[in-house]
Amino acid sequence: MLKEVITCLSKSQKTLPSKYFYDNRGSELFEKICQLDEYYLTRTELSIMRNNINEICHAMGGNIRLVELGSGSSLKTRLILDHLKNIHSYIPVDISEEFLTDIVGDLRREYPSLKIVPIAADYTQSFGLPEDIGNGIRRIAYYPGSTIGNFTKKNAENFIESISQLVGKQGGLLIGFDLIKDRTTLINAYDDSQGVTAEFNKNILRRINRELDANFIIENYDHKALFNEDKGRIEMYLVSETDQKVNIAEKEFFIEAGEPIHTENSHKYSLESFREMTEPYFKHVTTWTDPQNMFCVQFLTNSSIRNIG
């Protein structure tokens, strides 16, 4: 974390890795964001899941090991667990160990007969899975919440490739992603009237202060969200209100008044652009959208023969 933060702040356009939003407080703030009126993504994805859950689970099949990347509160996962037949095990993977422990405790009480093996890890990096037990078990990765949009286009393609390797030829990927839409709806979703997203954005500075003994003055930064139409993405920044010096370890950074620190991208896709990205790694796709075409859920596989179970 120290190496990444120093490297990112040393760039001419200062940045911070968005994955460091998610300590326990950051995860809780993101759950609050998901409940905001302006943040259409979660409720729209959830409505797609609810309206199509039988068809989705039928496509996923049986005798599977469900690997959720970035488990969050597992709200949408509960829908899957309630409807999947003959599931072998559930493996939630999340970068926030404390948050993951709390969620898994709840799930174990709700699903006492389900084998749950949590993994606290940065799922964007290589991590190990428990060995599969039994014949014919297929790995299905689940990546909800449009988090794929946080990657650059090239890194997103690399990530899709890594998932295809994780699940293997007989596996699959269930993924949610946000669709391109009007600027106003997008900006409001990332700059809400209650200021929850602003607090979420600033939480990355709080975490760096705590874990890396830095001295960011949190109240001297403003949250800013804008839509970059050329790149088809929302960009979030923390903008310094004053000239200031920040110390992290033995490094000192000078941040000018008005200087932005880029903290997150959220790319938006068309069905065509998403297919172009995933087609080299997954040959078969099933698509579900909402009536307004705000959001999309897809199930991708390498094989047209599915084990329904």
Protein backbone atom coordinates (compact mmCIF):
# COMPACT_ATOMS: atom_id res chain seq x y z
CA MET A 1 0.00 0.00 0.00
CA LEU A 2 2.80 2.45 0.92
CA LYS A 3 4.65 1.78 -2.34
CA GLU A 4 1.48 2.22 -4.44
CA VAL A 5 0.40 5.43 -2.71
CA ILE A 6 3.82 7.04 -3.03
CA THR A 7 4.08 6.03 -6.68
CA CYS A 8 0.62 7.39 -7.48
CA LEU A 9 1.16 10.71 -5.69
CA SER A 10 4.50 11.14 -7.47
CA LYS A 11 2.82 11.37 -10.88
CA SER A 12 2.23 14.72 -12.60
CA GLN A 13 -1.51 13.96 -12.30
CA LYS A 14 -1.69 12.74 -8.72
CA THR A 15 -3.83 9.65 -8.22
CA LEU A 16 -4.79 7.22 -5.46
CA PRO A 17 -5.80 3.57 -5.99
CA SER A 18 -9.59 3.30 -5.57
CA LYS A 19 -9.30 -0.13 -3.92
CA TYR A 20 -8.11 1.65 -0.76
CA PHE A 21 -11.55 3.17 -0.25
CA TYR A 22 -12.58 -0.13 1.26
CA ASP A 23 -11.59 -0.44 4.87
CA ASN A 24 -14.47 -1.24 7.22
CA ARG A 25 -15.74 2.36 7.28
CA GLY A 26 -15.40 2.70 3.53
CA SER A 27 -17.38 -0.49 2.98
CA GLU A 28 -20.12 0.78 5.29
CA LEU A 29 -20.22 4.13 3.46
CA PHE A 30 -20.51 2.36 0.12
CA GLU A 31 -23.47 0.36 1.43
CA LYS A 32 -25.11 3.70 2.31
CA ILE A 33 -24.40 4.99 -1.20
CA CYS A 34 -26.16 1.95 -2.62
CA GLN A 35 -29.35 2.99 -0.79
CA LEU A 36 -29.40 6.58 -2.08
CA ASP A 37 -32.12 7.71 -4.50
CA GLU A 38 -29.55 9.12 -6.92
CA TYR A 39 -27.51 5.92 -7.02
CA TYR A 40 -29.61 3.94 -9.48
CA LEU A 41 -27.02 1.22 -10.08
CA THR A 42 -27.67 -1.06 -7.11
CA ARG A 43 -31.45 -1.01 -7.16
CA THR A 44 -31.54 -1.43 -10.95
CA GLU A 45 -29.15 -4.37 -10.86
CA LEU A 46 -31.14 -5.88 -8.00
CA SER A 47 -34.40 -5.51 -9.93
CA ILE A 48 -32.83 -7.28 -12.93
CA MET A 49 -31.71 -10.09 -10.64
CA ARG A 50 -35.11 -10.40 -8.97
CA ASN A 51 -37.05 -10.34 -12.23
CA ASN A 52 -34.82 -12.94 -13.88
CA ILE A 53 -33.40 -14.99 -11.02
CA ASN A 54 -34.84 -18.35 -12.11
CA GLU A 55 -33.49 -17.92 -15.62
CA ILE A 56 -30.12 -16.70 -14.30
CA CYS A 57 -29.70 -19.65 -11.95
CA HIS A 58 -30.82 -22.07 -14.67
CA ALA A 59 -28.09 -20.66 -16.94
CA MET A 60 -25.49 -21.02 -14.18
CA GLY A 61 -26.39 -24.67 -13.60
CA GLY A 62 -25.65 -26.92 -10.66
CA ASN A 63 -22.72 -28.48 -8.84
CA ILE A 64 -20.88 -25.16 -8.87
CA ARG A 65 -18.40 -23.38 -6.67
CA LEU A 66 -19.60 -19.76 -6.60
CA VAL A 67 -16.70 -17.32 -6.24
CA GLU A 68 -17.85 -13.78 -5.55
CA LEU A 69 -15.26 -11.09 -6.22
CA GLY A 70 -15.83 -8.13 -3.92
CA SER A 71 -18.63 -9.60 -1.83
CA GLY A 72 -19.87 -6.41 -0.16
CA SER A 73 -23.06 -7.03 1.82
CA SER A 74 -23.94 -10.07 -0.36
CA LEU A 75 -27.52 -8.81 -0.83
CA LYS A 76 -27.72 -9.91 -4.46
CA THR A 77 -25.82 -13.07 -3.58
CA ARG A 78 -28.61 -14.13 -1.24
CA LEU A 79 -30.96 -14.19 -4.24
CA ILE A 80 -28.61 -16.58 -6.00
CA LEU A 81 -28.07 -18.78 -2.95
CA ASP A 82 -31.84 -19.02 -2.44
CA HIS A 83 -32.44 -20.21 -6.00
CA LEU A 84 -29.38 -22.20 -7.05
CA LYS A 85 -29.77 -25.95 -7.03
CA ASN A 86 -27.02 -28.27 -5.88
CA ILE A 87 -24.41 -25.60 -5.06
CA HIS A 88 -21.13 -27.08 -3.90
CA SER A 89 -19.72 -24.07 -2.01
CA TYR A 90 -19.61 -20.29 -1.81
CA ILE A 91 -16.33 -18.37 -1.69
CA PRO A 92 -16.67 -14.62 -0.99
CA VAL A 93 -13.50 -12.64 -1.72
CA ASP A 94 -13.11 -9.10 -0.38
CA ILE A 95 -10.24 -6.75 0.40
CA SER A 96 -11.75 -5.67 3.75
CA GLU A 97 -11.20 -8.58 6.16
CA GLU A 98 -13.18 -7.07 9.03
CA PHE A 99 -16.20 -6.33 6.83
CA LEU A 100 -15.95 -9.78 5.23
CA THR A 101 -15.91 -11.49 8.63
CA ASP A 102 -19.12 -9.72 9.67
CA ILE A 103 -20.93 -10.60 6.43
CA VAL A 104 -19.83 -14.23 6.48
CA GLY A 105 -21.03 -14.58 10.08
CA ASP A 106 -24.51 -13.49 8.99
CA LEU A 107 -24.50 -15.80 5.95
CA ARG A 108 -23.45 -18.82 7.99
CA ARG A 109 -26.37 -18.26 10.31
CA GLU A 110 -28.76 -17.91 7.36
CA TYR A 111 -27.33 -20.84 5.37
CA PRO A 112 -26.05 -23.33 7.98
CA SER A 113 -25.71 -26.20 5.50
CA LEU A 114 -23.77 -24.19 2.91
CA LYS A 115 -19.99 -24.50 2.81
CA ILE A 116 -18.65 -20.93 2.95
CA VAL A 117 -14.92 -20.30 2.59
CA PRO A 118 -14.11 -16.56 2.84
CA ILE A 119 -10.90 -15.19 1.37
CA ALA A 120 -9.60 -11.77 2.44
CA ALA A 121 -7.59 -10.67 -0.58
CA ASP A 122 -7.18 -8.09 -3.30
CA TYR A 123 -9.03 -9.95 -6.03
CA THR A 124 -7.39 -7.80 -8.72
CA GLN A 125 -4.18 -9.63 -7.88
CA SER A 126 -3.42 -13.34 -7.94
CA PHE A 127 -4.93 -15.28 -5.02
CA GLY A 128 -5.39 -18.95 -4.22
CA LEU A 129 -8.66 -20.88 -4.07
CA PRO A 130 -9.27 -24.00 -1.98
CA GLU A 131 -8.89 -27.21 -3.93
CA ASP A 132 -12.09 -28.46 -5.52
CA ILE A 133 -13.50 -31.55 -3.86
CA GLY A 134 -15.37 -34.03 -6.04
CA ASN A 135 -15.79 -34.55 -9.76
CA GLY A 136 -17.59 -32.23 -12.12
CA ILE A 137 -17.49 -29.14 -9.90
CA ARG A 138 -17.55 -25.98 -12.00
CA ARG A 139 -16.31 -22.58 -10.93
CA ILE A 140 -18.61 -19.64 -11.52
CA ALA A 141 -17.27 -16.17 -10.76
CA TYR A 142 -19.75 -13.53 -9.68
CA TYR A 143 -18.77 -9.87 -10.11
CA PRO A 144 -21.75 -7.60 -9.38
CA GLY A 145 -22.10 -3.90 -8.87
CA SER A 146 -20.54 -2.51 -12.06
CA THR A 147 -17.11 -2.55 -10.38
CA ILE A 148 -15.63 -3.58 -13.72
CA GLY A 149 -16.08 0.08 -14.65
CA ASN A 150 -13.39 1.12 -12.16
CA PHE A 151 -10.68 -0.41 -14.34
CA THR A 152 -9.12 1.27 -17.33
CA LYS A 153 -10.29 -0.37 -20.56
CA LYS A 154 -7.01 -2.26 -20.92
CA ASN A 155 -6.94 -3.37 -17.27
CA ALA A 156 -10.57 -4.43 -17.53
CA GLU A 157 -9.70 -6.69 -20.46
CA ASN A 158 -6.78 -8.13 -18.51
CA PHE A 159 -9.08 -8.72 -15.54
CA ILE A 160 -11.64 -10.54 -17.69
CA GLU A 161 -8.81 -12.70 -19.00
CA SER A 162 -7.71 -13.53 -15.43
CA ILE A 163 -11.29 -14.51 -14.53
CA SER A 164 -11.47 -16.82 -17.55
CA GLN A 165 -8.31 -18.51 -16.29
CA LEU A 166 -9.70 -18.69 -12.75
CA VAL A 167 -12.93 -20.44 -13.76
CA GLY A 168 -11.47 -22.62 -16.53
CA LYS A 169 -13.02 -23.90 -19.73
CA GLN A 170 -16.13 -25.33 -18.06
CA GLY A 171 -16.70 -22.32 -15.82
CA GLY A 172 -18.49 -19.04 -16.26
CA LEU A 173 -18.83 -15.42 -15.17
CA LEU A 174 -21.96 -13.64 -13.95
CA ILE A 175 -21.26 -9.91 -14.13
CA GLY A 176 -23.07 -6.60 -13.82
CA PHE A 177 -22.06 -3.45 -15.69
CA ASP A 178 -23.45 0.03 -16.14
CA LEU A 179 -24.71 1.22 -19.52
CA ILE A 180 -24.08 4.60 -21.17
CA LYS A 181 -26.78 7.19 -20.40
CA ASP A 182 -27.36 10.93 -19.98
CA ARG A 183 -24.81 13.10 -18.19
CA THR A 184 -27.16 14.43 -15.47
CA THR A 185 -28.18 10.98 -14.25
CA LEU A 186 -24.54 9.91 -14.14
CA ILE A 187 -23.25 12.98 -12.28
CA ASN A 188 -26.03 12.83 -9.68
CA ALA A 189 -25.23 9.18 -8.97
CA TYR A 190 -21.64 10.10 -8.03
CA ASP A 191 -22.27 13.42 -6.30
CA ASP A 192 -25.33 12.87 -4.15
CA SER A 193 -27.22 15.61 -2.33
CA GLN A 194 -26.52 14.11 1.14
CA GLY A 195 -22.76 14.11 0.65
CA VAL A 196 -22.32 10.40 1.33
CA THR A 197 -20.20 9.90 -1.80
CA ALA A 198 -18.04 12.84 -0.76
CA GLU A 199 -17.40 11.17 2.60
CA PHE A 200 -16.65 7.91 0.83
CA ASN A 201 -14.16 9.66 -1.42
CA LYS A 202 -12.43 11.39 1.50
CA ASN A 203 -12.25 8.11 3.42
CA ILE A 204 -9.25 7.10 1.32
CA LEU A 205 -7.33 9.99 2.91
CA ARG A 206 -8.44 8.95 6.38
CA ARG A 207 -7.22 5.43 5.74
CA ILE A 208 -3.84 6.64 4.45
CA ASN A 209 -3.48 8.88 7.51
CA ARG A 210 -4.22 5.96 9.84
CA GLU A 211 -2.34 3.15 8.14
CA LEU A 212 0.61 5.03 6.65
CA ASP A 213 0.96 7.74 9.33
CA ALA A 214 0.27 10.51 6.80
CA ASN A 215 -1.02 13.99 7.64
CA PHE A 216 -3.70 14.83 5.09
CA ILE A 217 -6.03 17.52 6.50
CA ILE A 218 -9.33 16.00 5.39
CA GLU A 219 -11.43 19.16 5.63
CA ASN A 220 -9.14 20.87 3.11
CA TYR A 221 -10.36 18.67 0.26
CA ASP A 222 -13.52 18.92 -1.84
CA HIS A 223 -15.17 16.00 -3.61
CA LYS A 224 -15.66 16.45 -7.36
CA ALA A 225 -17.30 14.16 -9.94
CA LEU A 226 -17.37 14.81 -13.68
CA PHE A 227 -18.30 12.89 -16.81
CA ASN A 228 -15.53 12.47 -19.39
CA GLU A 229 -17.56 11.97 -22.54
CA ASP A 230 -14.57 11.14 -24.74
CA LYS A 231 -13.53 8.27 -22.48
CA GLY A 232 -17.09 7.29 -21.54
CA ARG A 233 -16.51 7.41 -17.80
CA ILE A 234 -17.26 9.20 -14.55
CA GLU A 235 -14.11 10.54 -12.89
CA MET A 236 -13.87 11.31 -9.18
CA TYR A 237 -11.36 13.69 -7.65
CA LEU A 238 -10.33 15.17 -4.32
CA VAL A 239 -9.46 18.83 -4.93
CA SER A 240 -7.21 20.69 -2.51
CA GLU A 241 -8.61 24.00 -1.26
CA THR A 242 -5.21 25.32 -0.15
CA ASP A 243 -1.48 24.94 -0.78
CA GLN A 244 -0.24 22.24 1.57
CA LYS A 245 2.54 19.79 2.30
CA VAL A 246 1.73 16.15 2.99
CA ASN A 247 4.17 13.74 4.59
CA ILE A 248 3.93 9.98 4.04
CA ALA A 249 6.73 7.89 5.52
CA GLU A 250 9.85 9.87 4.56
CA LYS A 251 8.32 11.40 1.43
CA GLU A 252 6.94 14.93 1.26
CA PHE A 253 4.40 16.00 -1.35
CA PHE A 254 3.41 19.56 -2.19
CA ILE A 255 -0.20 19.95 -3.27
CA GLU A 256 -1.28 23.25 -4.74
CA ALA A 257 -4.60 24.98 -4.15
CA GLY A 258 -7.04 23.70 -6.77
CA GLU A 259 -4.91 20.66 -7.61
CA PRO A 260 -6.98 17.49 -8.10
CA ILE A 261 -6.10 14.00 -6.87
CA HIS A 262 -7.76 11.46 -9.16
CA THR A 263 -9.32 8.71 -7.02
CA GLU A 264 -11.69 6.71 -9.24
CA ASN A 265 -12.96 6.04 -12.74
CA SER A 266 -16.30 4.44 -13.52
CA HIS A 267 -16.50 3.44 -17.17
CA LYS A 268 -19.87 3.01 -18.85
CA TYR A 269 -20.39 0.47 -21.63
CA SER A 270 -22.64 -0.27 -24.53
CA LEU A 271 -23.59 -3.90 -25.16
CA GLU A 272 -21.37 -3.80 -28.22
CA SER A 273 -18.29 -2.40 -26.48
CA PHE A 274 -18.60 -4.85 -23.60
CA ARG A 275 -18.90 -7.75 -26.00
CA GLU A 276 -15.80 -6.64 -27.86
CA MET A 277 -13.89 -6.73 -24.57
CA THR A 278 -15.09 -10.14 -23.36
CA GLU A 279 -15.34 -12.09 -26.63
CA PRO A 280 -11.67 -13.16 -26.72
CA TYR A 281 -12.18 -14.98 -23.40
CA PHE A 282 -15.86 -15.98 -23.25
CA LYS A 283 -17.66 -17.18 -26.39
CA HIS A 284 -21.26 -17.49 -25.16
CA VAL A 285 -23.30 -14.73 -23.54
CA THR A 286 -26.79 -14.42 -22.05
CA THR A 287 -27.99 -10.87 -21.37
CA TRP A 288 -30.59 -9.33 -19.06
CA THR A 289 -31.38 -5.60 -18.82
CA ASP A 290 -34.02 -3.40 -17.17
CA PRO A 291 -36.84 -1.84 -19.26
CA GLN A 292 -35.02 1.53 -19.45
CA ASN A 293 -31.69 -0.09 -20.45
CA MET A 294 -29.91 1.56 -17.53
CA PHE A 295 -27.91 -1.48 -16.45
CA CYS A 296 -26.98 -4.95 -17.67
CA VAL A 297 -26.33 -8.37 -16.15
CA GLN A 298 -24.62 -10.99 -18.31
CA PHE A 299 -23.66 -14.63 -17.91
CA LEU A 300 -20.58 -15.53 -19.92
CA THR A 301 -19.22 -19.01 -20.60
CA ASN A 302 -16.65 -20.75 -22.76
CA SER A 303 -18.92 -23.70 -23.41
CA SER A 304 -22.43 -23.80 -24.85
CA ILE A 305 -23.10 -27.04 -22.91
CA ARG A 306 -24.20 -26.18 -19.40
CA ASN A 307 -24.58 -28.52 -16.47
CA ILE A 308 -28.05 -27.64 -15.20
CA GLY A 309 -27.89 -30.04 -12.26
